[in-house]
Structure formats: structure tokens, C-alpha cells
Amino acid sequence: MAVSWAMMPHASVFTAAAGPAPPAAGRGALRARLRRTGLWVVGGSVFASVSFTHLCLILLGELDYAATMIAAVLIPLAVASLAFRWIAGLTLQLEAARAERDRLAHQDPLTGLANRRAALAKLESWVAGTEPLALAVADLDHFKRINDRLGHEGGDASLVHFAAMLRKLVPPGWLIARIGGEEFLLAARGIDPADFAARIEAVRTAIAITPLITTSGPWHLTASFGIAARSANEGVDRLISRADAALYAAKEGGRNRTERAA
């Protein structure tokens, strides 16, 4: 079954994030270094060629001086410029490939969200501080049914739709990640646990009333959420485990609901 990627008007329209190839400042610095290097390479080549030719003419004195000196300038200028252009192109391609590799190592390719590796690294940096931390694990309800009815393309569309809704609904500064399959993670620091739980409940409600639009009509998605607030000196793994347990309770309690960890 073909699936449209559109959503209802009040939903955000998802654009697959290209994810950060090197930062603009980094690319600019690289290009500036290449330009400086190019000037030294081309200038040095011309100087060496002219000096050597001048010395030969002084010693031999048999050739037309003006024509020979012009050739001594133009030949290395052309050769060195072409060679450096080729080298600079390869350098930029290697830098782009490195940036793409780094992006893929930290970003989910389907949704453009942070992946599990990036999320865990961010959480570890957060727990090293002193601010309170709250976390929710979300899971799309009946995801197998979505794949069975809409096909894998429809399953992917539902994940993209869900990710776009999370982006739209959570405040700036929150961590949003896809940590596996149809499972997502949301986290925030410096927030009261009750306020965090209220925001997650608002997200759950908004997702339930914002269908994915398919060629056969709207498809209503729901999700279950497990919420945990970090206890003193609690590690990331333990915090996620408690949120997972709360998520399991939400599933057992009928799905399309939030549960808070004890």
C-alpha cells in the first residue's frame, strides 16, 4: 500500500535532516589553509623555475632571454596550479567523507534524530553535572500492525511522523533520540519531574490526535511512555531501566498512556 508522508495541518512537516557535514567555520578554515598552501606551492614553483632558468642563461647565454623567462614562469604556473587544484579537491572530498562518517555514527539515518550512541553520550555528560534530570522512553503502539497493514514503507513513514511530532512538541534543549526500532528517548535537565511528566502527557495526547495521512486515509498512531526522574547518584543505565519498566507498565495498562517509575 502506498503511503503519503503528509500529516494533518497542525502537525510539523518532516524534512529528513542531512545532519551536520563539517561546520561552516571548519570548512571555511580548511579552504583558507588550502588557498594559502596553494599560493606557496605555485609561487615557490615559479620562483624556483625562474631562478634556475636565469642561472642557466647566465652560465650558457645561448637562448633568447625574454622568451625563455616567460616560459619559465608560465610552465610551472600552469602545472603547479593544476596539480594543486587536484590535491585540494581530494582534500575536500576526504573532509566531506570524514564528516559524513561522523554524522552517521551519531544520527539515526531515517528520522534524523540522535541515535542510541549519541543519546547515551549526552546523558553521561548530563549526569556528571548537578542539575536534576528526567527521562522518558516512548514506544509506538502496535507497530507490527502498522507494518502489516501499511508495509515497511508505511512503518518508516510512521516513525518519521512520530519523530517530526516530537521535534515540534518538545522544548528547545531537550534530548530526542531514536534508540532502536520503534523506541524513542526524550530527556531534559533542570526541570521539575512533575512538569516533565505533564509535558510528556501533552506530547502523547497530541500524537494520538494527529494522524499520519496515507493514500487510503488517515492512520491514527498512539504511543506509550515510561517516565523516570533521576535519583541522587543514579547512573544512566539504571535510569533508563526504570523508565523502561514504567513503559512496560504503560503497555500492560492498555497502551496510549504514560506511567511514572517508582
C-alpha atoms as a PDB file:
ATOM      1  CA  MET A   1       0.000   0.000   0.000  1.00  0.00           C
ATOM      2  CA  ALA A   2       1.435   3.351  -0.972  1.00  0.00           C
ATOM      3  CA  VAL A   3       1.789   5.839   1.843  1.00  0.00           C
ATOM      4  CA  SER A   4       1.851   9.623   1.729  1.00  0.00           C
ATOM      5  CA  TRP A   5       4.296  11.341   4.039  1.00  0.00           C
ATOM      6  CA  ALA A   6       1.897  14.201   4.661  1.00  0.00           C
ATOM      7  CA  MET A   7       0.357  14.925   8.037  1.00  0.00           C
ATOM      8  CA  MET A   8      -2.608  16.889   9.274  1.00  0.00           C
ATOM      9  CA  PRO A   9      -2.185  20.699   9.054  1.00  0.00           C
ATOM     10  CA  HIS A  10      -1.333  21.135  12.716  1.00  0.00           C
ATOM     11  CA  ALA A  11       1.482  18.594  12.505  1.00  0.00           C
ATOM     12  CA  SER A  12       5.005  19.550  11.597  1.00  0.00           C
ATOM     13  CA  VAL A  13       6.184  18.548   8.137  1.00  0.00           C
ATOM     14  CA  PHE A  14       9.236  16.347   8.408  1.00  0.00           C
ATOM     15  CA  THR A  15      12.323  17.129   6.407  1.00  0.00           C
ATOM     16  CA  ALA A  16      14.991  14.473   6.592  1.00  0.00           C
ATOM     17  CA  ALA A  17      17.910  16.109   8.303  1.00  0.00           C
ATOM     18  CA  ALA A  18      21.073  15.987   6.306  1.00  0.00           C
ATOM     19  CA  GLY A  19      22.943  16.133   9.559  1.00  0.00           C
ATOM     20  CA  PRO A  20      25.987  18.091  10.048  1.00  0.00           C
ATOM     21  CA  ALA A  21      28.670  17.764   7.454  1.00  0.00           C
ATOM     22  CA  PRO A  22      31.598  19.759   8.791  1.00  0.00           C
ATOM     23  CA  PRO A  23      30.581  23.028  10.472  1.00  0.00           C
ATOM     24  CA  ALA A  24      30.704  26.052   8.170  1.00  0.00           C
ATOM     25  CA  ALA A  25      33.533  27.579  10.208  1.00  0.00           C
ATOM     26  CA  GLY A  26      35.558  24.371   9.857  1.00  0.00           C
ATOM     27  CA  ARG A  27      35.025  24.207   6.101  1.00  0.00           C
ATOM     28  CA  GLY A  28      35.995  27.875   5.745  1.00  0.00           C
ATOM     29  CA  ALA A  29      39.193  27.365   7.749  1.00  0.00           C
ATOM     30  CA  LEU A  30      40.108  24.341   5.643  1.00  0.00           C
ATOM     31  CA  ARG A  31      39.571  26.244   2.403  1.00  0.00           C
ATOM     32  CA  ALA A  32      41.632  29.170   3.714  1.00  0.00           C
ATOM     33  CA  ARG A  33      44.507  26.827   4.586  1.00  0.00           C
ATOM     34  CA  LEU A  34      44.297  25.264   1.141  1.00  0.00           C
ATOM     35  CA  ARG A  35      44.400  28.691  -0.526  1.00  0.00           C
ATOM     36  CA  ARG A  36      47.454  29.722   1.488  1.00  0.00           C
ATOM     37  CA  THR A  37      49.168  26.435   0.717  1.00  0.00           C
ATOM     38  CA  GLY A  38      48.321  26.819  -2.953  1.00  0.00           C
ATOM     39  CA  LEU A  39      49.893  30.265  -3.102  1.00  0.00           C
ATOM     40  CA  TRP A  40      53.074  28.931  -1.529  1.00  0.00           C
ATOM     41  CA  VAL A  41      53.194  25.909  -3.842  1.00  0.00           C
ATOM     42  CA  VAL A  42      52.535  27.842  -7.054  1.00  0.00           C
ATOM     43  CA  GLY A  43      54.678  30.823  -6.061  1.00  0.00           C
ATOM     44  CA  GLY A  44      57.526  28.615  -4.930  1.00  0.00           C
ATOM     45  CA  SER A  45      57.371  26.604  -8.154  1.00  0.00           C
ATOM     46  CA  VAL A  46      57.521  29.736 -10.294  1.00  0.00           C
ATOM     47  CA  PHE A  47      60.369  31.239  -8.230  1.00  0.00           C
ATOM     48  CA  ALA A  48      62.402  28.041  -8.409  1.00  0.00           C
ATOM     49  CA  SER A  49      61.837  27.713 -12.152  1.00  0.00           C
ATOM     50  CA  VAL A  50      62.731  31.349 -12.886  1.00  0.00           C
ATOM     51  CA  SER A  51      65.841  31.223 -10.684  1.00  0.00           C
ATOM     52  CA  PHE A  52      67.075  28.006 -12.261  1.00  0.00           C
ATOM     53  CA  THR A  53      66.409  29.308 -15.788  1.00  0.00           C
ATOM     54  CA  HIS A  54      68.098  32.630 -15.035  1.00  0.00           C
ATOM     55  CA  LEU A  55      71.170  30.817 -13.715  1.00  0.00           C
ATOM     56  CA  CYS A  56      71.310  28.589 -16.794  1.00  0.00           C
ATOM     57  CA  LEU A  57      71.112  31.599 -19.118  1.00  0.00           C
ATOM     58  CA  ILE A  58      73.884  33.374 -17.258  1.00  0.00           C
ATOM     59  CA  LEU A  59      76.071  30.314 -17.494  1.00  0.00           C
ATOM     60  CA  LEU A  60      75.201  29.326 -21.065  1.00  0.00           C
ATOM     61  CA  GLY A  61      73.949  32.557 -22.668  1.00  0.00           C
ATOM     62  CA  GLU A  62      72.775  30.828 -25.834  1.00  0.00           C
ATOM     63  CA  LEU A  63      68.934  31.195 -25.687  1.00  0.00           C
ATOM     64  CA  ASP A  64      66.547  34.113 -26.124  1.00  0.00           C
ATOM     65  CA  TYR A  65      66.386  35.510 -22.609  1.00  0.00           C
ATOM     66  CA  ALA A  66      62.880  37.066 -22.685  1.00  0.00           C
ATOM     67  CA  ALA A  67      61.124  34.074 -24.292  1.00  0.00           C
ATOM     68  CA  THR A  68      62.891  31.614 -22.023  1.00  0.00           C
ATOM     69  CA  MET A  69      61.978  33.534 -18.867  1.00  0.00           C
ATOM     70  CA  ILE A  70      58.323  33.763 -19.940  1.00  0.00           C
ATOM     71  CA  ALA A  71      58.278  30.002 -20.456  1.00  0.00           C
ATOM     72  CA  ALA A  72      59.972  29.558 -17.085  1.00  0.00           C
ATOM     73  CA  VAL A  73      57.058  31.405 -15.481  1.00  0.00           C
ATOM     74  CA  LEU A  74      54.129  30.003 -17.457  1.00  0.00           C
ATOM     75  CA  ILE A  75      55.013  26.304 -17.459  1.00  0.00           C
ATOM     76  CA  PRO A  76      55.319  25.800 -13.668  1.00  0.00           C
ATOM     77  CA  LEU A  77      52.428  28.200 -13.101  1.00  0.00           C
ATOM     78  CA  ALA A  78      50.142  26.002 -15.204  1.00  0.00           C
ATOM     79  CA  VAL A  79      51.454  22.668 -13.963  1.00  0.00           C
ATOM     80  CA  ALA A  80      51.543  23.594 -10.270  1.00  0.00           C
ATOM     81  CA  SER A  81      48.097  25.200 -10.411  1.00  0.00           C
ATOM     82  CA  LEU A  82      46.512  22.098 -11.977  1.00  0.00           C
ATOM     83  CA  ALA A  83      48.304  19.780  -9.573  1.00  0.00           C
ATOM     84  CA  PHE A  84      47.258  21.804  -6.552  1.00  0.00           C
ATOM     85  CA  ARG A  85      43.666  22.027  -7.771  1.00  0.00           C
ATOM     86  CA  TRP A  86      43.558  18.240  -7.945  1.00  0.00           C
ATOM     87  CA  ILE A  87      45.117  17.844  -4.490  1.00  0.00           C
ATOM     88  CA  ALA A  88      42.752  20.413  -2.969  1.00  0.00           C
ATOM     89  CA  GLY A  89      39.749  18.627  -4.480  1.00  0.00           C
ATOM     90  CA  LEU A  90      40.850  15.325  -2.967  1.00  0.00           C
ATOM     91  CA  THR A  91      41.380  17.003   0.411  1.00  0.00           C
ATOM     92  CA  LEU A  92      37.869  18.478   0.402  1.00  0.00           C
ATOM     93  CA  GLN A  93      36.363  15.123  -0.609  1.00  0.00           C
ATOM     94  CA  LEU A  94      38.186  13.378   2.233  1.00  0.00           C
ATOM     95  CA  GLU A  95      36.966  16.014   4.706  1.00  0.00           C
ATOM     96  CA  ALA A  96      33.377  15.608   3.482  1.00  0.00           C
ATOM     97  CA  ALA A  97      33.653  11.810   3.787  1.00  0.00           C
ATOM     98  CA  ARG A  98      35.001  12.129   7.324  1.00  0.00           C
ATOM     99  CA  ALA A  99      32.162  14.462   8.303  1.00  0.00           C
ATOM    100  CA  GLU A 100      29.583  12.085   6.802  1.00  0.00           C
ATOM    101  CA  ARG A 101      31.108   9.172   8.717  1.00  0.00           C
ATOM    102  CA  ASP A 102      30.898  11.154  11.956  1.00  0.00           C
ATOM    103  CA  ARG A 103      27.284  12.104  11.201  1.00  0.00           C
ATOM    104  CA  LEU A 104      26.262   8.502  10.580  1.00  0.00           C
ATOM    105  CA  ALA A 105      27.952   7.453  13.815  1.00  0.00           C
ATOM    106  CA  HIS A 106      25.706   9.769  15.857  1.00  0.00           C
ATOM    107  CA  GLN A 107      22.495  10.224  13.869  1.00  0.00           C
ATOM    108  CA  ASP A 108      19.619   7.916  13.012  1.00  0.00           C
ATOM    109  CA  PRO A 109      19.525   7.873   9.194  1.00  0.00           C
ATOM    110  CA  LEU A 110      15.738   7.510   8.908  1.00  0.00           C
ATOM    111  CA  THR A 111      14.492  10.184  11.296  1.00  0.00           C
ATOM    112  CA  GLY A 112      17.499  12.464  11.563  1.00  0.00           C
ATOM    113  CA  LEU A 113      17.338  12.246  15.360  1.00  0.00           C
ATOM    114  CA  ALA A 114      20.260  11.373  17.585  1.00  0.00           C
ATOM    115  CA  ASN A 115      20.888   7.628  17.704  1.00  0.00           C
ATOM    116  CA  ARG A 116      21.385   5.497  20.811  1.00  0.00           C
ATOM    117  CA  ARG A 117      25.130   6.068  20.890  1.00  0.00           C
ATOM    118  CA  ALA A 118      24.764   9.847  20.766  1.00  0.00           C
ATOM    119  CA  ALA A 119      21.949   9.811  23.327  1.00  0.00           C
ATOM    120  CA  LEU A 120      23.948   7.791  25.842  1.00  0.00           C
ATOM    121  CA  ALA A 121      26.958  10.078  25.409  1.00  0.00           C
ATOM    122  CA  LYS A 122      24.784  13.150  26.021  1.00  0.00           C
ATOM    123  CA  LEU A 123      23.147  11.603  29.078  1.00  0.00           C
ATOM    124  CA  GLU A 124      26.527  10.663  30.550  1.00  0.00           C
ATOM    125  CA  SER A 125      27.631  14.278  30.209  1.00  0.00           C
ATOM    126  CA  TRP A 126      24.418  15.451  31.860  1.00  0.00           C
ATOM    127  CA  VAL A 127      24.641  13.128  34.877  1.00  0.00           C
ATOM    128  CA  ALA A 128      28.148  14.458  35.501  1.00  0.00           C
ATOM    129  CA  GLY A 129      26.521  17.778  36.443  1.00  0.00           C
ATOM    130  CA  THR A 130      24.314  18.725  39.354  1.00  0.00           C
ATOM    131  CA  GLU A 131      21.064  19.651  37.590  1.00  0.00           C
ATOM    132  CA  PRO A 132      18.011  17.398  38.009  1.00  0.00           C
ATOM    133  CA  LEU A 133      17.382  15.079  35.073  1.00  0.00           C
ATOM    134  CA  ALA A 134      14.156  13.477  33.850  1.00  0.00           C
ATOM    135  CA  LEU A 135      13.843  10.922  31.092  1.00  0.00           C
ATOM    136  CA  ALA A 136      11.085   9.196  29.126  1.00  0.00           C
ATOM    137  CA  VAL A 137      11.200   6.129  26.917  1.00  0.00           C
ATOM    138  CA  ALA A 138       8.465   6.014  24.254  1.00  0.00           C
ATOM    139  CA  ASP A 139       7.297   3.151  22.096  1.00  0.00           C
ATOM    140  CA  LEU A 140       4.837   3.275  19.198  1.00  0.00           C
ATOM    141  CA  ASP A 141       1.843   1.085  19.965  1.00  0.00           C
ATOM    142  CA  HIS A 142       1.039  -1.887  17.714  1.00  0.00           C
ATOM    143  CA  PHE A 143       3.950  -1.180  15.391  1.00  0.00           C
ATOM    144  CA  LYS A 144       3.772  -4.675  13.894  1.00  0.00           C
ATOM    145  CA  ARG A 145       0.169  -3.980  12.927  1.00  0.00           C
ATOM    146  CA  ILE A 146       1.312  -0.804  11.154  1.00  0.00           C
ATOM    147  CA  ASN A 147       3.890  -2.756   9.160  1.00  0.00           C
ATOM    148  CA  ASP A 148       1.364  -5.491   8.362  1.00  0.00           C
ATOM    149  CA  ARG A 149      -1.271  -3.049   7.126  1.00  0.00           C
ATOM    150  CA  LEU A 150       0.874  -0.342   5.511  1.00  0.00           C
ATOM    151  CA  GLY A 151       4.003  -2.270   4.622  1.00  0.00           C
ATOM    152  CA  HIS A 152       7.552  -1.382   5.585  1.00  0.00           C
ATOM    153  CA  GLU A 153       7.280   1.939   3.768  1.00  0.00           C
ATOM    154  CA  GLY A 154       4.302   2.771   5.946  1.00  0.00           C
ATOM    155  CA  GLY A 155       6.225   1.661   9.022  1.00  0.00           C
ATOM    156  CA  ASP A 156       9.064   4.007   8.116  1.00  0.00           C
ATOM    157  CA  ALA A 157       6.589   6.818   7.437  1.00  0.00           C
ATOM    158  CA  SER A 158       5.062   6.348  10.881  1.00  0.00           C
ATOM    159  CA  LEU A 159       8.486   6.578  12.531  1.00  0.00           C
ATOM    160  CA  VAL A 160       9.308   9.738  10.582  1.00  0.00           C
ATOM    161  CA  HIS A 161       5.899  11.198  11.513  1.00  0.00           C
ATOM    162  CA  PHE A 162       6.451  10.396  15.181  1.00  0.00           C
ATOM    163  CA  ALA A 163       9.949  11.927  15.138  1.00  0.00           C
ATOM    164  CA  ALA A 164       8.612  15.086  13.482  1.00  0.00           C
ATOM    165  CA  MET A 165       5.912  15.406  16.131  1.00  0.00           C
ATOM    166  CA  LEU A 166       8.474  15.059  18.912  1.00  0.00           C
ATOM    167  CA  ARG A 167      10.617  17.761  17.334  1.00  0.00           C
ATOM    168  CA  LYS A 168       7.641  20.094  17.152  1.00  0.00           C
ATOM    169  CA  LEU A 169       6.236  19.428  20.601  1.00  0.00           C
ATOM    170  CA  VAL A 170       9.197  19.350  22.968  1.00  0.00           C
ATOM    171  CA  PRO A 171      11.026  22.486  24.104  1.00  0.00           C
ATOM    172  CA  PRO A 172      14.433  23.505  22.720  1.00  0.00           C
ATOM    173  CA  GLY A 173      17.308  21.952  24.594  1.00  0.00           C
ATOM    174  CA  TRP A 174      15.638  18.596  25.170  1.00  0.00           C
ATOM    175  CA  LEU A 175      17.353  15.444  24.024  1.00  0.00           C
ATOM    176  CA  ILE A 176      15.321  13.489  21.447  1.00  0.00           C
ATOM    177  CA  ALA A 177      16.690  10.213  20.119  1.00  0.00           C
ATOM    178  CA  ARG A 178      15.637   7.060  18.369  1.00  0.00           C
ATOM    179  CA  ILE A 179      17.269   4.310  20.382  1.00  0.00           C
ATOM    180  CA  GLY A 180      16.051   1.269  18.466  1.00  0.00           C
ATOM    181  CA  GLY A 181      13.212   0.064  16.276  1.00  0.00           C
ATOM    182  CA  GLU A 182      10.075   1.947  17.285  1.00  0.00           C
ATOM    183  CA  GLU A 183      11.569   3.072  20.604  1.00  0.00           C
ATOM    184  CA  PHE A 184      12.480   6.679  21.314  1.00  0.00           C
ATOM    185  CA  LEU A 185      14.020   8.559  24.214  1.00  0.00           C
ATOM    186  CA  LEU A 186      13.316  12.067  25.487  1.00  0.00           C
ATOM    187  CA  ALA A 187      15.259  13.726  28.271  1.00  0.00           C
ATOM    188  CA  ALA A 188      15.589  17.141  29.862  1.00  0.00           C
ATOM    189  CA  ARG A 189      17.710  18.586  32.628  1.00  0.00           C
ATOM    190  CA  GLY A 190      16.956  21.371  35.047  1.00  0.00           C
ATOM    191  CA  ILE A 191      13.237  20.577  35.032  1.00  0.00           C
ATOM    192  CA  ASP A 192      10.834  19.639  37.794  1.00  0.00           C
ATOM    193  CA  PRO A 193       9.784  15.968  37.376  1.00  0.00           C
ATOM    194  CA  ALA A 194       6.095  16.877  37.591  1.00  0.00           C
ATOM    195  CA  ASP A 195       6.479  19.480  34.837  1.00  0.00           C
ATOM    196  CA  PHE A 196       8.372  16.970  32.702  1.00  0.00           C
ATOM    197  CA  ALA A 197       5.623  14.368  33.168  1.00  0.00           C
ATOM    198  CA  ALA A 198       2.961  16.931  32.247  1.00  0.00           C
ATOM    199  CA  ARG A 199       4.826  17.836  29.070  1.00  0.00           C
ATOM    200  CA  ILE A 200       5.188  14.172  28.107  1.00  0.00           C
ATOM    201  CA  GLU A 201       1.464  13.637  28.647  1.00  0.00           C
ATOM    202  CA  ALA A 202       0.758  16.615  26.366  1.00  0.00           C
ATOM    203  CA  VAL A 203       3.033  15.076  23.727  1.00  0.00           C
ATOM    204  CA  ARG A 204       1.217  11.746  23.999  1.00  0.00           C
ATOM    205  CA  THR A 205      -2.164  13.426  23.571  1.00  0.00           C
ATOM    206  CA  ALA A 206      -1.049  15.487  20.566  1.00  0.00           C
ATOM    207  CA  ILE A 207       0.336  12.415  18.815  1.00  0.00           C
ATOM    208  CA  ALA A 208      -2.895  10.493  19.381  1.00  0.00           C
ATOM    209  CA  ILE A 209      -4.993  13.194  17.684  1.00  0.00           C
ATOM    210  CA  THR A 210      -2.610  13.868  14.766  1.00  0.00           C
ATOM    211  CA  PRO A 211      -2.905  11.048  12.234  1.00  0.00           C
ATOM    212  CA  LEU A 212      -0.472  10.031   9.570  1.00  0.00           C
ATOM    213  CA  ILE A 213      -2.093  10.648   6.175  1.00  0.00           C
ATOM    214  CA  THR A 214      -1.891   7.681   3.807  1.00  0.00           C
ATOM    215  CA  THR A 215      -3.353   7.150   0.345  1.00  0.00           C
ATOM    216  CA  SER A 216      -6.131   5.115   1.932  1.00  0.00           C
ATOM    217  CA  GLY A 217      -6.949   7.740   4.535  1.00  0.00           C
ATOM    218  CA  PRO A 218      -5.672   8.883   7.947  1.00  0.00           C
ATOM    219  CA  TRP A 219      -3.918   6.374  10.154  1.00  0.00           C
ATOM    220  CA  HIS A 220      -4.070   7.135  13.863  1.00  0.00           C
ATOM    221  CA  LEU A 221      -0.895   6.421  15.796  1.00  0.00           C
ATOM    222  CA  THR A 222      -0.542   6.169  19.543  1.00  0.00           C
ATOM    223  CA  ALA A 223       2.448   5.724  21.796  1.00  0.00           C
ATOM    224  CA  SER A 224       3.137   4.641  25.345  1.00  0.00           C
ATOM    225  CA  PHE A 225       5.620   6.459  27.585  1.00  0.00           C
ATOM    226  CA  GLY A 226       7.576   5.443  30.666  1.00  0.00           C
ATOM    227  CA  ILE A 227       8.974   8.303  32.755  1.00  0.00           C
ATOM    228  CA  ALA A 228      11.742   8.314  35.341  1.00  0.00           C
ATOM    229  CA  ALA A 229      13.357  11.141  37.298  1.00  0.00           C
ATOM    230  CA  ARG A 230      16.989  10.637  38.229  1.00  0.00           C
ATOM    231  CA  SER A 231      17.712   9.841  41.844  1.00  0.00           C
ATOM    232  CA  ALA A 232      20.855  11.048  43.577  1.00  0.00           C
ATOM    233  CA  ASN A 233      23.994   9.454  42.072  1.00  0.00           C
ATOM    234  CA  GLU A 234      21.914   7.263  39.768  1.00  0.00           C
ATOM    235  CA  GLY A 235      23.695   6.107  36.619  1.00  0.00           C
ATOM    236  CA  VAL A 236      22.349   6.371  33.088  1.00  0.00           C
ATOM    237  CA  ASP A 237      21.767   2.635  32.650  1.00  0.00           C
ATOM    238  CA  ARG A 238      19.739   2.403  35.842  1.00  0.00           C
ATOM    239  CA  LEU A 239      17.716   5.489  34.947  1.00  0.00           C
ATOM    240  CA  ILE A 240      16.827   4.078  31.517  1.00  0.00           C
ATOM    241  CA  SER A 241      15.974   0.705  33.070  1.00  0.00           C
ATOM    242  CA  ARG A 242      13.460   2.348  35.414  1.00  0.00           C
ATOM    243  CA  ALA A 243      11.920   4.255  32.513  1.00  0.00           C
ATOM    244  CA  ASP A 244      11.721   1.006  30.555  1.00  0.00           C
ATOM    245  CA  ALA A 245       9.923  -0.647  33.457  1.00  0.00           C
ATOM    246  CA  ALA A 246       7.435   2.223  33.534  1.00  0.00           C
ATOM    247  CA  LEU A 247       6.961   1.862  29.777  1.00  0.00           C
ATOM    248  CA  TYR A 248       6.208  -1.832  30.235  1.00  0.00           C
ATOM    249  CA  ALA A 249       3.609  -0.902  32.838  1.00  0.00           C
ATOM    250  CA  ALA A 250       2.038   1.550  30.364  1.00  0.00           C
ATOM    251  CA  LYS A 251       1.837  -1.207  27.757  1.00  0.00           C
ATOM    252  CA  GLU A 252       0.341  -3.634  30.235  1.00  0.00           C
ATOM    253  CA  GLY A 253      -2.112  -0.964  31.360  1.00  0.00           C
ATOM    254  CA  GLY A 254      -3.679  -0.689  27.908  1.00  0.00           C
ATOM    255  CA  ARG A 255      -1.192   1.369  25.822  1.00  0.00           C
ATOM    256  CA  ASN A 256      -1.561   5.007  24.746  1.00  0.00           C
ATOM    257  CA  ARG A 257      -0.725   6.175  28.244  1.00  0.00           C
ATOM    258  CA  THR A 258       2.135   7.412  30.413  1.00  0.00           C
ATOM    259  CA  GLU A 259       3.427   5.774  33.554  1.00  0.00           C
ATOM    260  CA  ARG A 260       5.933   7.131  36.053  1.00  0.00           C
ATOM    261  CA  ALA A 261       8.611   4.959  37.597  1.00  0.00           C
ATOM    262  CA  ALA A 262       8.504   4.373  41.337  1.00  0.00           C
END
